[in-house]
Amino acid sequence: MPPTSRKKRRRPSAADARRRPKVCQFCKDKTDYIDYKDVAVLRKFMSDRGKIRARRVTGACPKHQREMAIAIKNAREMALLPYIAQRGQ
């Protein structure tokens, strides 16, 4: 049998260290309240499968991430957003 090769971990490059941190979109726009009826904004923070994206992906601050998650859950309850994506799409 041939020997199996292991994948090596990628070392962080200098470009990774210089990457600018993501800025919270809600803080930048000085949004007071994240409205559950604003489906277009909430869809930006959901994956194509209907999951809520993580803070490190969206760049939202902790306060707005919590508010956004609650708004998405309220919109799902009111049937404005799906709980999961439909199969075959």
Protein backbone atom coordinates (compact mmCIF):
# COMPACT_ATOMS: atom_id res chain seq x y z
CA MET A 1 0.00 0.00 0.00
CA PRO A 2 1.25 3.48 -0.79
CA PRO A 3 1.92 5.78 2.16
CA THR A 4 -0.85 8.23 2.90
CA SER A 5 -0.04 11.88 2.69
CA ARG A 6 -1.17 14.29 5.34
CA LYS A 7 -2.26 17.81 4.62
CA LYS A 8 -0.18 20.46 6.27
CA ARG A 9 -1.75 23.40 7.99
CA ARG A 10 -1.46 26.66 6.14
CA ARG A 11 0.61 29.26 7.91
CA PRO A 12 -0.89 32.72 8.23
CA SER A 13 0.71 34.97 5.65
CA ALA A 14 1.52 38.65 5.95
CA ALA A 15 -1.61 39.43 3.93
CA ASP A 16 -3.76 37.75 6.60
CA ALA A 17 -2.27 39.99 9.28
CA ARG A 18 -3.01 43.14 7.28
CA ARG A 19 -6.63 42.28 6.55
CA ARG A 20 -8.93 45.02 7.79
CA PRO A 21 -11.49 43.97 10.39
CA LYS A 22 -15.10 43.97 9.27
CA VAL A 23 -17.18 46.88 10.48
CA CYS A 24 -20.66 46.41 11.88
CA GLN A 25 -23.09 47.58 9.18
CA PHE A 26 -25.67 48.63 11.77
CA CYS A 27 -23.17 50.70 13.78
CA LYS A 28 -21.92 52.32 10.60
CA ASP A 29 -25.46 53.30 9.57
CA LYS A 30 -26.31 54.26 13.20
CA THR A 31 -29.35 51.99 13.19
CA ASP A 32 -31.41 52.23 16.38
CA TYR A 33 -33.66 49.23 15.80
CA ILE A 34 -33.39 46.18 13.54
CA ASP A 35 -36.87 45.69 12.14
CA TYR A 36 -38.09 42.13 11.60
CA LYS A 37 -40.23 43.35 8.67
CA ASP A 38 -37.16 44.49 6.71
CA VAL A 39 -36.65 41.14 5.01
CA ALA A 40 -34.14 42.41 2.43
CA VAL A 41 -31.67 43.41 5.15
CA LEU A 42 -32.19 40.26 7.18
CA ARG A 43 -31.59 37.99 4.16
CA LYS A 44 -28.04 39.38 3.88
CA PHE A 45 -27.28 37.87 7.28
CA MET A 46 -28.64 34.42 6.45
CA SER A 47 -27.01 31.60 4.50
CA ASP A 48 -28.58 30.18 1.36
CA ARG A 49 -29.81 27.27 3.50
CA GLY A 50 -31.63 29.60 5.88
CA LYS A 51 -29.16 29.60 8.78
CA ILE A 52 -28.17 32.74 10.66
CA ARG A 53 -24.60 33.67 9.79
CA ALA A 54 -21.98 33.98 12.55
CA ARG A 55 -20.51 37.25 13.79
CA ARG A 56 -17.10 36.51 12.35
CA VAL A 57 -18.70 36.10 8.91
CA THR A 58 -21.03 39.11 8.99
CA GLY A 59 -18.79 41.47 10.96
CA ALA A 60 -21.65 42.55 13.22
CA CYS A 61 -20.93 43.70 16.77
CA PRO A 62 -22.27 41.53 19.62
CA LYS A 63 -25.19 43.85 20.40
CA HIS A 64 -26.43 43.99 16.81
CA GLN A 65 -25.80 40.28 16.24
CA ARG A 66 -28.17 39.48 19.11
CA GLU A 67 -30.78 41.95 17.84
CA MET A 68 -30.43 40.62 14.31
CA ALA A 69 -30.88 37.01 15.46
CA ILE A 70 -34.04 37.97 17.36
CA ALA A 71 -35.36 39.88 14.32
CA ILE A 72 -34.71 36.89 12.04
CA LYS A 73 -36.47 34.58 14.49
CA ASN A 74 -39.46 36.95 14.68
CA ALA A 75 -39.59 37.17 10.88
CA ARG A 76 -39.56 33.37 10.67
CA GLU A 77 -42.40 33.16 13.18
CA MET A 78 -44.43 35.64 11.11
CA ALA A 79 -43.67 33.60 7.94
CA LEU A 80 -41.68 36.42 6.31
CA LEU A 81 -38.54 34.26 6.18
CA PRO A 82 -38.20 30.49 5.82
CA TYR A 83 -36.88 28.31 8.63
CA ILE A 84 -34.97 26.20 6.10
CA ALA A 85 -34.37 26.41 2.36
CA GLN A 86 -36.48 24.30 0.04
CA ARG A 87 -34.87 21.22 -1.47
CA GLY A 88 -33.79 21.20 -5.08
CA GLN A 89 -33.04 24.88 -5.41
